[in-house]
Amino acid sequence: MKKTTLFAFALIFVLALAACGNKNNDSGSASSTSPAASSAAASETPSASPSESAAASSEAPAEVKKIVVGTGSQFPKVAFLDDSGKLTGFDVELVREIDKRLPEYEFELQVLEFKNILLSLETKKIDLAAHEFEKNPEREAKYLFNKEAYAHWKNKIIVAKTNNDPIESLDDLKGKKFFTSPTSAEAQILENYNKDHDNALKIVYSSGGANDIVSQITSGRVDATVGADFVLPILDPEGKLKTVGKELSEADILFLFRKNDPDQQKLADAVDKAIVEIKADGTLAKLSTEWLGFDATTSEK
């Protein structure tokens, strides 16, 4: 009887060791398990409770999506290279602030010529356009704007400070040369006027930086330009130019995305959420005052 009992205990001990050995072997060879076997095993495993699933989800690292942001480098105080060669300015630092508040995205700034920014957006070389883009019907027809404006401006006629001609509107400057940047909102104003007035204005398109405006007008090579009221002190710190007449347009400044693209709409919505926060805590007004000299985030200076 004792022999039988001892034999039984020995047999149980051997089987237990065998079982432990098999568990260790399964763990070590998990990577070689077939997908079918893994799927079958998963289907037999009891499903986790909602609270357990939520906890697992929160612990899992979120996927971070890279977003290429197109901007320029020749717009003083807005998007430019400082003395050390660093890209900075109001729009640039705002993009960086938005990036901080959207952990699901990683923003990468890419410098482009202004005239190529929107084309790069269309061709998917960039995912977001940031360069003080004014909302107008022509752009709305082609691009998606976010909803929360981060600045506001009024476009006016700009001439040399020494110009004493009575000027109230574009009608007073028929036959005159206007200097502007291709694809800009100001160029659109002049082009629209010409469509309705038999090309009464002579439009000269810029091929260089924003600083060309001052030299072009003061030298007499052109007579005027159209620009945002708050931009003039930035482009002309020495006060060689002035605004005249009534405002030609008034518009919000927003970011641009591609239309009819669910991912772009999702990104635009996320950017709006961040801008609302940045406005609410005073960061947007602070950035505007720091870079532009006043709060350009409201409709009045």
Protein backbone atom coordinates (compact mmCIF):
# COMPACT_ATOMS: atom_id res chain seq x y z
CA MET A 1 0.00 0.00 0.00
CA LYS A 2 2.83 2.37 0.87
CA LYS A 3 4.62 1.53 -2.40
CA THR A 4 1.47 2.31 -4.35
CA THR A 5 1.05 5.61 -2.56
CA LEU A 6 4.69 6.60 -3.10
CA PHE A 7 4.41 5.70 -6.77
CA ALA A 8 1.31 7.85 -7.13
CA PHE A 9 3.02 10.87 -5.53
CA ALA A 10 6.07 10.41 -7.74
CA LEU A 11 3.88 10.23 -10.83
CA ILE A 12 2.05 13.44 -9.85
CA PHE A 13 5.40 15.21 -9.23
CA VAL A 14 6.74 14.20 -12.68
CA LEU A 15 3.56 15.34 -14.39
CA ALA A 16 3.74 18.70 -12.57
CA LEU A 17 7.31 19.23 -13.75
CA ALA A 18 6.28 18.37 -17.27
CA ALA A 19 3.45 20.90 -17.13
CA CYS A 20 5.78 23.65 -15.94
CA GLY A 21 8.22 22.81 -18.70
CA ASN A 22 5.48 23.03 -21.33
CA LYS A 23 4.34 26.53 -20.05
CA ASN A 24 7.87 27.85 -20.26
CA ASN A 25 8.29 26.50 -23.78
CA ASP A 26 5.00 28.15 -24.94
CA SER A 27 6.13 31.51 -23.60
CA GLY A 28 9.46 31.33 -25.33
CA SER A 29 7.98 30.39 -28.70
CA ALA A 30 5.10 32.86 -28.70
CA SER A 31 6.55 34.74 -31.69
CA SER A 32 6.35 31.59 -33.80
CA THR A 33 2.69 30.96 -33.04
CA SER A 34 0.60 31.07 -36.22
CA PRO A 35 -1.92 33.92 -36.73
CA ALA A 36 -4.72 31.39 -36.91
CA ALA A 37 -3.75 29.88 -33.58
CA SER A 38 -3.46 33.35 -32.02
CA SER A 39 -6.85 34.29 -33.38
CA ALA A 40 -8.41 31.13 -32.06
CA ALA A 41 -6.84 31.66 -28.66
CA ALA A 42 -8.07 35.23 -28.59
CA SER A 43 -11.61 34.17 -29.41
CA GLU A 44 -11.60 31.77 -26.50
CA THR A 45 -10.30 34.37 -24.05
CA PRO A 46 -13.04 36.05 -21.99
CA SER A 47 -13.59 39.67 -23.10
CA ALA A 48 -12.40 42.41 -20.78
CA SER A 49 -14.89 44.61 -18.97
CA PRO A 50 -15.47 48.16 -20.29
CA SER A 51 -13.44 49.64 -17.43
CA GLU A 52 -10.54 47.26 -18.14
CA SER A 53 -10.65 48.14 -21.85
CA ALA A 54 -10.63 51.86 -21.11
CA ALA A 55 -7.64 51.47 -18.79
CA ALA A 56 -5.73 49.50 -21.43
CA SER A 57 -6.58 52.12 -24.07
CA SER A 58 -5.33 55.00 -21.91
CA GLU A 59 -2.07 53.20 -21.26
CA ALA A 60 -1.43 52.48 -24.94
CA PRO A 61 0.76 55.12 -26.69
CA ALA A 62 -1.27 57.27 -29.05
CA GLU A 63 -0.22 57.45 -32.68
CA VAL A 64 1.32 60.85 -33.51
CA LYS A 65 0.65 62.13 -37.03
CA LYS A 66 3.19 64.38 -38.71
CA ILE A 67 1.80 67.61 -40.20
CA VAL A 68 3.89 69.69 -42.62
CA VAL A 69 3.07 73.39 -42.26
CA GLY A 70 3.92 75.65 -45.19
CA THR A 71 4.92 79.25 -44.45
CA GLY A 72 7.27 81.95 -45.73
CA SER A 73 10.43 83.64 -44.49
CA GLN A 74 10.18 87.18 -45.92
CA PHE A 75 7.25 88.63 -43.97
CA PRO A 76 8.74 90.79 -41.18
CA LYS A 77 7.31 90.10 -37.72
CA VAL A 78 5.01 87.39 -39.13
CA ALA A 79 7.19 84.71 -40.76
CA PHE A 80 10.87 85.60 -41.15
CA LEU A 81 14.44 84.59 -40.31
CA ASP A 82 15.93 86.43 -37.35
CA ASP A 83 19.57 87.50 -37.03
CA SER A 84 20.58 83.99 -36.01
CA GLY A 85 18.79 82.41 -38.96
CA LYS A 86 15.92 81.05 -36.89
CA LEU A 87 12.44 81.01 -38.42
CA THR A 88 10.11 82.99 -36.17
CA GLY A 89 7.34 85.59 -36.10
CA PHE A 90 3.67 85.83 -35.13
CA ASP A 91 2.34 83.09 -37.41
CA VAL A 92 5.33 80.83 -36.80
CA GLU A 93 5.15 81.05 -33.01
CA LEU A 94 1.37 80.58 -33.10
CA VAL A 95 1.83 77.37 -35.07
CA ARG A 96 4.36 76.18 -32.49
CA GLU A 97 1.93 77.00 -29.67
CA ILE A 98 -0.85 75.05 -31.41
CA ASP A 99 1.55 72.13 -31.85
CA LYS A 100 2.16 72.05 -28.08
CA ARG A 101 -1.56 71.70 -27.44
CA LEU A 102 -2.22 68.91 -29.93
CA PRO A 103 -0.31 65.82 -28.73
CA GLU A 104 -1.86 63.70 -31.46
CA TYR A 105 -0.01 65.74 -34.09
CA GLU A 106 3.60 66.76 -34.69
CA PHE A 107 3.97 69.98 -36.70
CA GLU A 108 6.96 70.54 -38.97
CA LEU A 109 7.42 74.02 -40.46
CA GLN A 110 8.55 74.21 -44.08
CA VAL A 111 9.66 77.49 -45.68
CA LEU A 112 8.33 78.19 -49.17
CA GLU A 113 8.03 81.15 -51.50
CA PHE A 114 4.69 82.78 -50.77
CA LYS A 115 3.42 82.19 -54.31
CA ASN A 116 4.06 78.44 -53.93
CA ILE A 117 2.40 77.85 -50.56
CA LEU A 118 -1.14 77.22 -51.81
CA LEU A 119 0.08 75.18 -54.77
CA SER A 120 2.04 73.00 -52.35
CA LEU A 121 -1.16 72.52 -50.33
CA GLU A 122 -3.07 71.44 -53.42
CA THR A 123 -0.38 68.95 -54.42
CA LYS A 124 -0.18 67.54 -50.88
CA LYS A 125 3.41 68.63 -50.30
CA ILE A 126 2.19 70.37 -47.17
CA ASP A 127 -0.83 69.76 -44.93
CA LEU A 128 -1.53 73.26 -43.60
CA ALA A 129 -0.87 76.76 -44.95
CA ALA A 130 0.07 79.49 -42.46
CA HIS A 131 0.93 82.96 -43.74
CA GLU A 132 -1.73 85.49 -42.72
CA PHE A 133 -4.17 84.09 -45.26
CA GLU A 134 -7.25 86.26 -45.65
CA LYS A 135 -10.59 84.57 -46.13
CA ASN A 136 -12.24 85.56 -49.41
CA PRO A 137 -14.74 83.94 -51.83
CA GLU A 138 -12.07 82.93 -54.35
CA ARG A 139 -10.10 80.99 -51.75
CA GLU A 140 -13.20 79.53 -50.14
CA ALA A 141 -14.10 77.97 -53.48
CA LYS A 142 -10.80 76.07 -53.57
CA TYR A 143 -9.68 75.51 -50.00
CA LEU A 144 -10.93 74.62 -46.54
CA PHE A 145 -10.53 77.30 -43.88
CA ASN A 146 -10.59 76.58 -40.18
CA LYS A 147 -13.40 78.44 -38.38
CA GLU A 148 -11.64 80.25 -35.53
CA ALA A 149 -9.84 83.37 -36.81
CA TYR A 150 -6.52 84.26 -35.20
CA ALA A 151 -6.27 87.80 -36.63
CA HIS A 152 -8.37 90.38 -38.44
CA TRP A 153 -7.46 93.10 -40.90
CA LYS A 154 -8.74 95.80 -43.24
CA ASN A 155 -7.23 96.28 -46.69
CA LYS A 156 -6.52 99.83 -47.79
CA ILE A 157 -4.74 101.67 -50.58
CA ILE A 158 -1.11 102.47 -49.72
CA VAL A 159 0.87 105.26 -51.37
CA ALA A 160 4.00 107.29 -50.70
CA LYS A 161 3.73 109.66 -47.76
CA THR A 162 4.63 112.52 -50.11
CA ASN A 163 1.64 111.77 -52.35
CA ASN A 164 -0.91 114.55 -51.77
CA ASP A 165 -3.43 113.53 -54.43
CA PRO A 166 -7.02 113.19 -53.19
CA ILE A 167 -7.58 109.44 -53.13
CA GLU A 168 -10.74 107.83 -51.79
CA SER A 169 -10.99 104.63 -53.85
CA LEU A 170 -9.43 102.66 -56.69
CA ASP A 171 -11.45 104.81 -59.10
CA ASP A 172 -9.09 107.68 -58.30
CA LEU A 173 -6.08 105.65 -59.43
CA LYS A 174 -7.12 104.43 -62.88
CA GLY A 175 -4.12 104.10 -65.15
CA LYS A 176 -1.75 103.89 -62.18
CA LYS A 177 0.68 101.06 -61.39
CA PHE A 178 -0.07 98.83 -58.41
CA PHE A 179 2.58 96.61 -56.85
CA THR A 180 1.39 93.32 -55.33
CA SER A 181 2.32 89.69 -54.65
CA PRO A 182 0.89 86.98 -56.91
CA THR A 183 -1.79 84.75 -55.28
CA SER A 184 -2.27 87.28 -52.44
CA ALA A 185 -5.68 88.49 -51.27
CA GLU A 186 -4.64 92.02 -52.24
CA ALA A 187 -3.83 90.88 -55.78
CA GLN A 188 -7.31 89.36 -55.93
CA ILE A 189 -8.85 92.74 -55.01
CA LEU A 190 -6.98 94.45 -57.85
CA GLU A 191 -7.73 91.67 -60.34
CA ASN A 192 -11.43 91.74 -59.47
CA TYR A 193 -11.49 95.50 -59.96
CA ASN A 194 -9.87 95.14 -63.37
CA LYS A 195 -12.44 92.57 -64.44
CA ASP A 196 -15.20 95.09 -63.82
CA HIS A 197 -13.34 98.16 -65.12
CA ASP A 198 -11.70 97.08 -68.38
CA ASN A 199 -8.24 96.57 -66.83
CA ALA A 200 -8.10 100.16 -65.62
CA LEU A 201 -5.24 99.41 -63.20
CA LYS A 202 -1.74 98.33 -64.18
CA ILE A 203 -0.73 95.46 -61.90
CA VAL A 204 2.96 94.79 -61.31
CA TYR A 205 3.62 91.47 -59.58
CA SER A 206 6.40 91.15 -57.03
CA SER A 207 9.16 88.61 -57.54
CA GLY A 208 10.97 89.34 -54.29
CA GLY A 209 10.34 89.92 -50.62
CA ALA A 210 7.78 92.08 -48.86
CA ASN A 211 10.36 94.81 -48.29
CA ASP A 212 10.26 95.61 -52.02
CA ILE A 213 7.00 97.49 -51.47
CA VAL A 214 8.64 100.51 -49.83
CA SER A 215 11.41 100.90 -52.42
CA GLN A 216 9.08 100.33 -55.37
CA ILE A 217 6.66 103.06 -54.26
CA THR A 218 9.13 105.63 -52.93
CA SER A 219 11.27 105.34 -56.06
CA GLY A 220 8.25 105.99 -58.29
CA ARG A 221 8.52 102.71 -60.16
CA VAL A 222 4.92 102.06 -59.06
CA ASP A 223 2.26 104.37 -57.67
CA ALA A 224 0.55 102.32 -54.98
CA THR A 225 -0.23 98.97 -53.45
CA VAL A 226 -3.03 97.44 -51.43
CA GLY A 227 -2.27 96.13 -47.97
CA ALA A 228 -3.62 95.39 -44.54
CA ASP A 229 -3.78 98.32 -42.17
CA PHE A 230 -1.83 96.63 -39.38
CA VAL A 231 0.86 95.35 -41.76
CA LEU A 232 2.00 98.80 -42.92
CA PRO A 233 4.04 99.69 -39.78
CA ILE A 234 5.68 96.27 -40.02
CA LEU A 235 6.70 96.62 -43.65
CA ASP A 236 7.47 100.35 -43.38
CA PRO A 237 8.96 101.05 -39.94
CA GLU A 238 10.43 104.37 -41.14
CA GLY A 239 7.00 105.69 -42.10
CA LYS A 240 7.68 106.40 -45.78
CA LEU A 241 4.22 105.20 -46.83
CA LYS A 242 0.64 105.90 -45.73
CA THR A 243 -2.86 104.49 -46.17
CA VAL A 244 -5.48 106.56 -47.98
CA GLY A 245 -9.20 106.37 -48.68
CA LYS A 246 -11.77 103.98 -47.35
CA GLU A 247 -11.15 100.33 -46.63
CA LEU A 248 -11.43 98.08 -49.69
CA SER A 249 -12.20 94.94 -47.73
CA GLU A 250 -12.27 93.55 -44.21
CA ALA A 251 -11.53 89.95 -43.43
CA ASP A 252 -10.58 87.30 -40.90
CA ILE A 253 -7.18 85.62 -41.02
CA LEU A 254 -7.18 81.83 -40.78
CA PHE A 255 -5.27 78.69 -41.76
CA LEU A 256 -5.90 76.81 -45.00
CA PHE A 257 -6.40 73.09 -45.64
CA ARG A 258 -7.50 70.89 -48.56
CA LYS A 259 -11.21 70.64 -49.21
CA ASN A 260 -13.21 67.40 -49.27
CA ASP A 261 -10.63 65.52 -47.22
CA PRO A 262 -11.81 63.92 -43.93
CA ASP A 263 -8.31 63.94 -42.42
CA GLN A 264 -7.91 67.62 -43.25
CA GLN A 265 -11.29 68.42 -41.71
CA LYS A 266 -10.27 66.55 -38.56
CA LEU A 267 -7.02 68.54 -38.44
CA ALA A 268 -8.87 71.84 -38.98
CA ASP A 269 -11.26 71.00 -36.12
CA ALA A 270 -8.33 70.20 -33.83
CA VAL A 271 -6.62 73.48 -34.74
CA ASP A 272 -9.84 75.36 -33.96
CA LYS A 273 -10.03 73.73 -30.55
CA ALA A 274 -6.45 74.77 -29.80
CA ILE A 275 -7.03 78.37 -30.97
CA VAL A 276 -10.08 78.67 -28.70
CA GLU A 277 -7.88 77.66 -25.75
CA ILE A 278 -5.07 79.99 -26.82
CA LYS A 279 -7.51 82.89 -27.05
CA ALA A 280 -9.18 82.09 -23.73
CA ASP A 281 -5.97 82.03 -21.69
CA GLY A 282 -4.62 85.24 -23.27
CA THR A 283 -1.76 83.60 -25.16
CA LEU A 284 -2.97 84.76 -28.59
CA ALA A 285 -3.22 88.42 -27.58
CA LYS A 286 0.20 88.15 -25.95
CA LEU A 287 1.78 86.73 -29.12
CA SER A 288 0.16 89.43 -31.24
CA THR A 289 1.35 92.23 -28.97
CA GLU A 290 4.83 90.76 -28.78
CA TRP A 291 5.30 90.41 -32.53
CA LEU A 292 2.97 92.96 -34.12
CA GLY A 293 2.98 95.65 -31.46
CA PHE A 294 -0.74 95.49 -30.66
CA ASP A 295 -3.61 93.01 -30.41
CA ALA A 296 -4.50 92.19 -34.03
CA THR A 297 -6.76 89.37 -32.93
CA THR A 298 -9.79 91.65 -32.71
CA SER A 299 -11.58 93.58 -35.46
CA GLU A 300 -10.37 96.96 -34.22
CA LYS A 301 -6.81 98.15 -33.54
